[in-house]
Amino acid sequence: MKIVISVYAWLLVITGSTIVMAQGIPPNKYGLPVVDNITLYRQLVATDSSQALVDLRTFIPGIKLDIRYATRNNFMHRKLYPHPYAYLRRAAAETLKEIQATLNKNGLGLLIFDAYRPYRVTEKMWEEIGDDRYVADPKKGSGHNRGVTVDLTLINLRTGKPVRMPSGYDDFTEKAHYTYLACDAEALNNRTMLRAIMEEYGFKAFETEWWHFFLKDYEKYPLMDIDPRDL
């Protein structure tokens, strides 16, 4: 069930038991409400502090980044971000902080590939790939655009290197799927361990990308298309 009341004033979206309220968010060309300027974002945060984006680099001790979209080392073969940033909504960031602390006790840590992604970048990715097993359809938007989806892997704290996984990041083949079993036991165990701890703390896995996790209540956070440099 979805009810929209005055998209130019107050927006009320009801999906099951999830209620999202945002102030002054006009729809885009697909009819989706997208926070596309810093003023709207600040109004939203003033109404609900949980909507704030948090810089993972300063919020989570020891977090490591490998933001491929700030380089040419990605499936698009061009820079999509102006610099290597990693932001998430506060609830997602706080949960990752707990996960990091638990992993550290076992000699492991988190390596972030991607977090909040501006909506405009999702549009560019869709133009290139057009396959919703791997990139989000702009007609629906992405959990990355909502700031509650994260792409990540585990690192060994002793070596500082990522652990072995069945595929590399953004491998758009069956090797990235959870149904893929034709790899060594170490990679399978690491994939299982990552999924287990992420789900234990409330994230959900995406079946075709072992690195991709999102909060279950993602719909309470509106899509965004703001530049993190403005935060």
C-alpha atoms as a PDB file:
ATOM      1  CA  MET A   1       0.000   0.000   0.000  1.00  0.00           C
ATOM      2  CA  LYS A   2       1.384   3.424  -0.911  1.00  0.00           C
ATOM      3  CA  ILE A   3      -0.152   6.798  -0.159  1.00  0.00           C
ATOM      4  CA  VAL A   4       1.453  10.033  -1.360  1.00  0.00           C
ATOM      5  CA  ILE A   5       0.216  13.312   0.075  1.00  0.00           C
ATOM      6  CA  SER A   6       1.454  16.599  -1.406  1.00  0.00           C
ATOM      7  CA  VAL A   7       4.883  15.627  -2.673  1.00  0.00           C
ATOM      8  CA  TYR A   8       5.907  19.268  -2.711  1.00  0.00           C
ATOM      9  CA  ALA A   9       5.070  19.771   0.950  1.00  0.00           C
ATOM     10  CA  TRP A  10       5.009  16.704   3.191  1.00  0.00           C
ATOM     11  CA  LEU A  11       5.542  13.260   1.736  1.00  0.00           C
ATOM     12  CA  LEU A  12       4.070  10.246   3.491  1.00  0.00           C
ATOM     13  CA  VAL A  13       4.943   6.824   2.129  1.00  0.00           C
ATOM     14  CA  ILE A  14       3.503   3.735   3.764  1.00  0.00           C
ATOM     15  CA  THR A  15       4.917   0.352   2.734  1.00  0.00           C
ATOM     16  CA  GLY A  16       3.712  -2.409   5.047  1.00  0.00           C
ATOM     17  CA  SER A  17       4.676  -1.257   8.545  1.00  0.00           C
ATOM     18  CA  THR A  18       7.349   1.161   7.309  1.00  0.00           C
ATOM     19  CA  ILE A  19       6.565   4.884   7.363  1.00  0.00           C
ATOM     20  CA  VAL A  20       8.806   7.461   5.751  1.00  0.00           C
ATOM     21  CA  MET A  21       8.198  11.165   6.250  1.00  0.00           C
ATOM     22  CA  ALA A  22      10.250  13.779   4.454  1.00  0.00           C
ATOM     23  CA  GLN A  23       9.741  17.472   3.974  1.00  0.00           C
ATOM     24  CA  GLY A  24       9.565  19.175   0.608  1.00  0.00           C
ATOM     25  CA  ILE A  25      10.916  16.391  -1.613  1.00  0.00           C
ATOM     26  CA  PRO A  26       9.750  16.777  -5.226  1.00  0.00           C
ATOM     27  CA  PRO A  27       9.551  13.651  -7.414  1.00  0.00           C
ATOM     28  CA  ASN A  28      12.113  12.974 -10.129  1.00  0.00           C
ATOM     29  CA  LYS A  29      11.294  11.876 -13.688  1.00  0.00           C
ATOM     30  CA  TYR A  30      10.367   8.397 -12.420  1.00  0.00           C
ATOM     31  CA  GLY A  31       8.057   9.774  -9.737  1.00  0.00           C
ATOM     32  CA  LEU A  32      10.535   8.963  -6.956  1.00  0.00           C
ATOM     33  CA  PRO A  33      11.192  11.438  -4.122  1.00  0.00           C
ATOM     34  CA  VAL A  34      14.949  12.167  -4.155  1.00  0.00           C
ATOM     35  CA  VAL A  35      16.765  14.480  -1.744  1.00  0.00           C
ATOM     36  CA  ASP A  36      18.831  16.332  -4.318  1.00  0.00           C
ATOM     37  CA  ASN A  37      20.225  19.334  -2.436  1.00  0.00           C
ATOM     38  CA  ILE A  38      21.928  19.977   0.876  1.00  0.00           C
ATOM     39  CA  THR A  39      19.116  22.215   2.164  1.00  0.00           C
ATOM     40  CA  LEU A  40      16.553  19.415   1.875  1.00  0.00           C
ATOM     41  CA  TYR A  41      19.003  17.008   3.502  1.00  0.00           C
ATOM     42  CA  ARG A  42      19.535  19.327   6.473  1.00  0.00           C
ATOM     43  CA  GLN A  43      15.789  19.805   6.876  1.00  0.00           C
ATOM     44  CA  LEU A  44      15.352  16.053   6.942  1.00  0.00           C
ATOM     45  CA  VAL A  45      18.095  15.559   9.544  1.00  0.00           C
ATOM     46  CA  ALA A  46      16.666  18.368  11.686  1.00  0.00           C
ATOM     47  CA  THR A  47      13.379  16.462  11.738  1.00  0.00           C
ATOM     48  CA  ASP A  48      14.975  13.043  12.348  1.00  0.00           C
ATOM     49  CA  SER A  49      18.619  12.812  13.456  1.00  0.00           C
ATOM     50  CA  SER A  50      18.804   9.137  12.419  1.00  0.00           C
ATOM     51  CA  GLN A  51      18.722  10.352   8.803  1.00  0.00           C
ATOM     52  CA  ALA A  52      22.191  11.915   9.159  1.00  0.00           C
ATOM     53  CA  LEU A  53      25.059  10.541   7.074  1.00  0.00           C
ATOM     54  CA  VAL A  54      28.124   9.545   9.096  1.00  0.00           C
ATOM     55  CA  ASP A  55      31.710   9.495   7.805  1.00  0.00           C
ATOM     56  CA  LEU A  56      32.905   5.917   8.395  1.00  0.00           C
ATOM     57  CA  ARG A  57      36.568   6.947   8.338  1.00  0.00           C
ATOM     58  CA  THR A  58      36.206   8.913  11.555  1.00  0.00           C
ATOM     59  CA  PHE A  59      33.290   7.036  13.110  1.00  0.00           C
ATOM     60  CA  ILE A  60      34.715   3.499  13.103  1.00  0.00           C
ATOM     61  CA  PRO A  61      38.208   3.008  14.563  1.00  0.00           C
ATOM     62  CA  GLY A  62      40.526   1.158  12.208  1.00  0.00           C
ATOM     63  CA  ILE A  63      38.095   0.963   9.289  1.00  0.00           C
ATOM     64  CA  LYS A  64      39.816   0.493   5.936  1.00  0.00           C
ATOM     65  CA  LEU A  65      38.641   1.839   2.583  1.00  0.00           C
ATOM     66  CA  ASP A  66      39.157   0.708  -0.996  1.00  0.00           C
ATOM     67  CA  ILE A  67      36.699   2.979  -2.791  1.00  0.00           C
ATOM     68  CA  ARG A  68      37.029   1.747  -6.361  1.00  0.00           C
ATOM     69  CA  TYR A  69      34.579   4.276  -7.780  1.00  0.00           C
ATOM     70  CA  ALA A  70      36.958   7.085  -6.854  1.00  0.00           C
ATOM     71  CA  THR A  71      39.471   5.475  -9.250  1.00  0.00           C
ATOM     72  CA  ARG A  72      39.445   3.944 -12.714  1.00  0.00           C
ATOM     73  CA  ASN A  73      39.778   0.461 -11.188  1.00  0.00           C
ATOM     74  CA  ASN A  74      36.093  -0.450 -11.476  1.00  0.00           C
ATOM     75  CA  PHE A  75      33.670  -1.991 -13.957  1.00  0.00           C
ATOM     76  CA  MET A  76      32.930   1.442 -15.470  1.00  0.00           C
ATOM     77  CA  HIS A  77      36.668   2.099 -16.042  1.00  0.00           C
ATOM     78  CA  ARG A  78      36.305   5.724 -14.999  1.00  0.00           C
ATOM     79  CA  LYS A  79      36.114   7.831 -11.856  1.00  0.00           C
ATOM     80  CA  LEU A  80      32.562   8.167 -10.574  1.00  0.00           C
ATOM     81  CA  TYR A  81      33.359   9.826  -7.232  1.00  0.00           C
ATOM     82  CA  PRO A  82      35.473  12.992  -6.841  1.00  0.00           C
ATOM     83  CA  HIS A  83      37.342  11.483  -3.882  1.00  0.00           C
ATOM     84  CA  PRO A  84      37.295   8.244  -1.812  1.00  0.00           C
ATOM     85  CA  TYR A  85      34.466   8.820   0.670  1.00  0.00           C
ATOM     86  CA  ALA A  86      32.384   6.340   2.680  1.00  0.00           C
ATOM     87  CA  TYR A  87      29.223   7.562   4.400  1.00  0.00           C
ATOM     88  CA  LEU A  88      26.247   5.696   5.867  1.00  0.00           C
ATOM     89  CA  ARG A  89      23.151   6.687   7.826  1.00  0.00           C
ATOM     90  CA  ARG A  90      23.815   6.677  11.550  1.00  0.00           C
ATOM     91  CA  ALA A  91      21.975   3.414  12.285  1.00  0.00           C
ATOM     92  CA  ALA A  92      23.985   1.534   9.655  1.00  0.00           C
ATOM     93  CA  ALA A  93      27.247   3.137  10.787  1.00  0.00           C
ATOM     94  CA  GLU A  94      26.623   2.283  14.436  1.00  0.00           C
ATOM     95  CA  THR A  95      25.931  -1.333  13.532  1.00  0.00           C
ATOM     96  CA  LEU A  96      29.102  -1.563  11.442  1.00  0.00           C
ATOM     97  CA  LYS A  97      31.031  -0.148  14.379  1.00  0.00           C
ATOM     98  CA  GLU A  98      29.792  -3.024  16.550  1.00  0.00           C
ATOM     99  CA  ILE A  99      30.680  -5.549  13.855  1.00  0.00           C
ATOM    100  CA  GLN A 100      34.167  -4.098  13.529  1.00  0.00           C
ATOM    101  CA  ALA A 101      34.720  -4.376  17.298  1.00  0.00           C
ATOM    102  CA  THR A 102      33.620  -8.009  17.298  1.00  0.00           C
ATOM    103  CA  LEU A 103      35.820  -8.886  14.330  1.00  0.00           C
ATOM    104  CA  ASN A 104      38.841  -7.167  15.877  1.00  0.00           C
ATOM    105  CA  LYS A 105      38.702  -9.610  18.795  1.00  0.00           C
ATOM    106  CA  ASN A 106      39.334 -12.377  16.270  1.00  0.00           C
ATOM    107  CA  GLY A 107      42.114 -10.663  14.329  1.00  0.00           C
ATOM    108  CA  LEU A 108      39.850  -9.439  11.547  1.00  0.00           C
ATOM    109  CA  GLY A 109      38.444  -6.127  10.344  1.00  0.00           C
ATOM    110  CA  LEU A 110      36.288  -4.538   7.661  1.00  0.00           C
ATOM    111  CA  LEU A 111      37.331  -3.167   4.289  1.00  0.00           C
ATOM    112  CA  ILE A 112      34.747  -0.894   2.643  1.00  0.00           C
ATOM    113  CA  PHE A 113      34.359  -0.864  -1.136  1.00  0.00           C
ATOM    114  CA  ASP A 114      31.310   1.410  -1.279  1.00  0.00           C
ATOM    115  CA  ALA A 115      28.637   2.898   0.964  1.00  0.00           C
ATOM    116  CA  TYR A 116      26.401   5.914   0.200  1.00  0.00           C
ATOM    117  CA  ARG A 117      26.182   6.425  -3.547  1.00  0.00           C
ATOM    118  CA  PRO A 118      24.575   9.508  -5.124  1.00  0.00           C
ATOM    119  CA  TYR A 119      21.528   8.672  -7.245  1.00  0.00           C
ATOM    120  CA  ARG A 120      23.131  10.184 -10.361  1.00  0.00           C
ATOM    121  CA  VAL A 121      25.886   7.551 -10.166  1.00  0.00           C
ATOM    122  CA  THR A 122      23.284   4.777 -10.098  1.00  0.00           C
ATOM    123  CA  GLU A 123      21.828   6.220 -13.297  1.00  0.00           C
ATOM    124  CA  LYS A 124      25.262   6.078 -14.967  1.00  0.00           C
ATOM    125  CA  MET A 125      25.791   2.481 -13.861  1.00  0.00           C
ATOM    126  CA  TRP A 126      22.404   1.422 -15.186  1.00  0.00           C
ATOM    127  CA  GLU A 127      23.166   2.949 -18.581  1.00  0.00           C
ATOM    128  CA  GLU A 128      26.311   0.793 -18.715  1.00  0.00           C
ATOM    129  CA  ILE A 129      25.027  -2.536 -17.297  1.00  0.00           C
ATOM    130  CA  GLY A 130      21.209  -2.549 -17.252  1.00  0.00           C
ATOM    131  CA  ASP A 131      21.059  -5.764 -15.189  1.00  0.00           C
ATOM    132  CA  ASP A 132      19.403  -5.512 -11.762  1.00  0.00           C
ATOM    133  CA  ARG A 133      21.271  -8.540 -10.469  1.00  0.00           C
ATOM    134  CA  TYR A 134      24.313  -6.263 -10.230  1.00  0.00           C
ATOM    135  CA  VAL A 135      23.227  -2.617 -10.448  1.00  0.00           C
ATOM    136  CA  ALA A 136      20.035  -0.900  -9.322  1.00  0.00           C
ATOM    137  CA  ASP A 137      17.359   0.245 -11.736  1.00  0.00           C
ATOM    138  CA  PRO A 138      16.963   4.040 -11.305  1.00  0.00           C
ATOM    139  CA  LYS A 139      13.203   3.549 -11.563  1.00  0.00           C
ATOM    140  CA  LYS A 140      13.444   1.921  -8.127  1.00  0.00           C
ATOM    141  CA  GLY A 141      16.643   3.409  -6.732  1.00  0.00           C
ATOM    142  CA  SER A 142      19.321   1.688  -4.703  1.00  0.00           C
ATOM    143  CA  GLY A 143      19.924   1.020  -1.030  1.00  0.00           C
ATOM    144  CA  HIS A 144      23.249   2.735  -1.661  1.00  0.00           C
ATOM    145  CA  ASN A 145      21.312   5.876  -2.634  1.00  0.00           C
ATOM    146  CA  ARG A 146      19.504   5.634   0.707  1.00  0.00           C
ATOM    147  CA  GLY A 147      22.760   5.411   2.650  1.00  0.00           C
ATOM    148  CA  VAL A 148      21.969   2.051   4.275  1.00  0.00           C
ATOM    149  CA  THR A 149      23.732  -0.376   1.921  1.00  0.00           C
ATOM    150  CA  VAL A 150      27.407  -1.202   2.120  1.00  0.00           C
ATOM    151  CA  ASP A 151      29.808  -3.206  -0.056  1.00  0.00           C
ATOM    152  CA  LEU A 152      32.595  -4.714   2.000  1.00  0.00           C
ATOM    153  CA  THR A 153      34.873  -7.622   2.791  1.00  0.00           C
ATOM    154  CA  LEU A 154      37.062  -8.877   5.640  1.00  0.00           C
ATOM    155  CA  ILE A 155      40.721  -8.135   6.170  1.00  0.00           C
ATOM    156  CA  ASN A 156      43.349  -9.966   8.188  1.00  0.00           C
ATOM    157  CA  LEU A 157      44.649  -7.467  10.764  1.00  0.00           C
ATOM    158  CA  ARG A 158      48.051  -9.136  10.924  1.00  0.00           C
ATOM    159  CA  THR A 159      48.722  -8.889   7.193  1.00  0.00           C
ATOM    160  CA  GLY A 160      46.455  -5.938   6.435  1.00  0.00           C
ATOM    161  CA  LYS A 161      45.192  -7.800   3.363  1.00  0.00           C
ATOM    162  CA  PRO A 162      41.676  -8.892   2.340  1.00  0.00           C
ATOM    163  CA  VAL A 163      40.820 -12.509   3.047  1.00  0.00           C
ATOM    164  CA  ARG A 164      40.230 -14.913   0.179  1.00  0.00           C
ATOM    165  CA  MET A 165      36.733 -14.831  -1.355  1.00  0.00           C
ATOM    166  CA  PRO A 166      35.138 -16.758  -4.266  1.00  0.00           C
ATOM    167  CA  SER A 167      35.510 -13.719  -6.547  1.00  0.00           C
ATOM    168  CA  GLY A 168      36.798 -10.180  -6.621  1.00  0.00           C
ATOM    169  CA  TYR A 169      34.616  -7.145  -5.968  1.00  0.00           C
ATOM    170  CA  ASP A 170      32.097  -6.258  -8.690  1.00  0.00           C
ATOM    171  CA  ASP A 171      32.592  -9.576 -10.445  1.00  0.00           C
ATOM    172  CA  PHE A 172      29.387  -9.792 -12.480  1.00  0.00           C
ATOM    173  CA  THR A 173      29.485 -13.568 -12.885  1.00  0.00           C
ATOM    174  CA  GLU A 174      28.109 -16.544 -10.982  1.00  0.00           C
ATOM    175  CA  LYS A 175      31.281 -16.542  -8.875  1.00  0.00           C
ATOM    176  CA  ALA A 176      29.771 -13.660  -6.907  1.00  0.00           C
ATOM    177  CA  HIS A 177      26.547 -15.579  -6.140  1.00  0.00           C
ATOM    178  CA  TYR A 178      25.951 -17.410  -2.883  1.00  0.00           C
ATOM    179  CA  THR A 179      24.943 -20.467  -4.904  1.00  0.00           C
ATOM    180  CA  TYR A 180      28.459 -20.664  -6.355  1.00  0.00           C
ATOM    181  CA  LEU A 181      30.367 -23.500  -4.675  1.00  0.00           C
ATOM    182  CA  ALA A 182      33.111 -24.310  -7.187  1.00  0.00           C
ATOM    183  CA  CYS A 183      35.910 -22.705  -5.186  1.00  0.00           C
ATOM    184  CA  ASP A 184      38.250 -23.663  -2.380  1.00  0.00           C
ATOM    185  CA  ALA A 185      37.105 -24.231   1.189  1.00  0.00           C
ATOM    186  CA  GLU A 186      38.912 -21.155   2.532  1.00  0.00           C
ATOM    187  CA  ALA A 187      37.009 -18.816   0.226  1.00  0.00           C
ATOM    188  CA  LEU A 188      33.686 -20.471   1.024  1.00  0.00           C
ATOM    189  CA  ASN A 189      34.347 -20.279   4.766  1.00  0.00           C
ATOM    190  CA  ASN A 190      35.264 -16.593   4.540  1.00  0.00           C
ATOM    191  CA  ARG A 191      32.136 -15.813   2.530  1.00  0.00           C
ATOM    192  CA  THR A 192      30.007 -17.691   5.061  1.00  0.00           C
ATOM    193  CA  MET A 193      31.692 -15.939   7.986  1.00  0.00           C
ATOM    194  CA  LEU A 194      31.126 -12.478   6.495  1.00  0.00           C
ATOM    195  CA  ARG A 195      27.455 -13.155   5.806  1.00  0.00           C
ATOM    196  CA  ALA A 196      26.922 -14.706   9.238  1.00  0.00           C
ATOM    197  CA  ILE A 197      28.224 -11.733  11.207  1.00  0.00           C
ATOM    198  CA  MET A 198      26.486  -9.163   9.007  1.00  0.00           C
ATOM    199  CA  GLU A 199      23.159 -10.971   9.404  1.00  0.00           C
ATOM    200  CA  GLU A 200      23.718 -11.480  13.125  1.00  0.00           C
ATOM    201  CA  TYR A 201      23.811  -7.697  13.515  1.00  0.00           C
ATOM    202  CA  GLY A 202      20.742  -7.053  11.376  1.00  0.00           C
ATOM    203  CA  PHE A 203      21.980  -6.562   7.817  1.00  0.00           C
ATOM    204  CA  LYS A 204      20.522  -8.556   4.923  1.00  0.00           C
ATOM    205  CA  ALA A 205      22.581 -10.185   2.182  1.00  0.00           C
ATOM    206  CA  PHE A 206      22.092  -9.756  -1.564  1.00  0.00           C
ATOM    207  CA  GLU A 207      22.125 -13.194  -3.206  1.00  0.00           C
ATOM    208  CA  THR A 208      24.085 -12.298  -6.342  1.00  0.00           C
ATOM    209  CA  GLU A 209      26.808 -10.209  -4.659  1.00  0.00           C
ATOM    210  CA  TRP A 210      28.608 -11.687  -1.644  1.00  0.00           C
ATOM    211  CA  TRP A 211      29.949  -8.201  -0.681  1.00  0.00           C
ATOM    212  CA  HIS A 212      26.577  -6.390  -0.642  1.00  0.00           C
ATOM    213  CA  PHE A 213      24.542  -5.889   2.570  1.00  0.00           C
ATOM    214  CA  PHE A 214      21.653  -3.594   3.494  1.00  0.00           C
ATOM    215  CA  LEU A 215      19.486  -2.676   6.474  1.00  0.00           C
ATOM    216  CA  LYS A 216      16.102  -4.397   6.556  1.00  0.00           C
ATOM    217  CA  ASP A 217      14.223  -1.136   7.115  1.00  0.00           C
ATOM    218  CA  TYR A 218      15.890   0.610   4.155  1.00  0.00           C
ATOM    219  CA  GLU A 219      12.609   2.075   2.888  1.00  0.00           C
ATOM    220  CA  LYS A 220      12.405   4.495   5.825  1.00  0.00           C
ATOM    221  CA  TYR A 221      15.360   6.369   4.351  1.00  0.00           C
ATOM    222  CA  PRO A 222      14.667   8.435   1.203  1.00  0.00           C
ATOM    223  CA  LEU A 223      16.836   8.303  -1.892  1.00  0.00           C
ATOM    224  CA  MET A 224      19.528  10.961  -2.081  1.00  0.00           C
ATOM    225  CA  ASP A 225      21.555  12.693  -4.753  1.00  0.00           C
ATOM    226  CA  ILE A 226      23.743  15.006  -2.725  1.00  0.00           C
ATOM    227  CA  ASP A 227      27.498  15.479  -3.000  1.00  0.00           C
ATOM    228  CA  PRO A 228      29.265  14.344   0.222  1.00  0.00           C
ATOM    229  CA  ARG A 229      31.604  17.305  -0.192  1.00  0.00           C
ATOM    230  CA  ASP A 230      28.670  19.498   0.853  1.00  0.00           C
ATOM    231  CA  LEU A 231      28.165  17.689   4.168  1.00  0.00           C
END
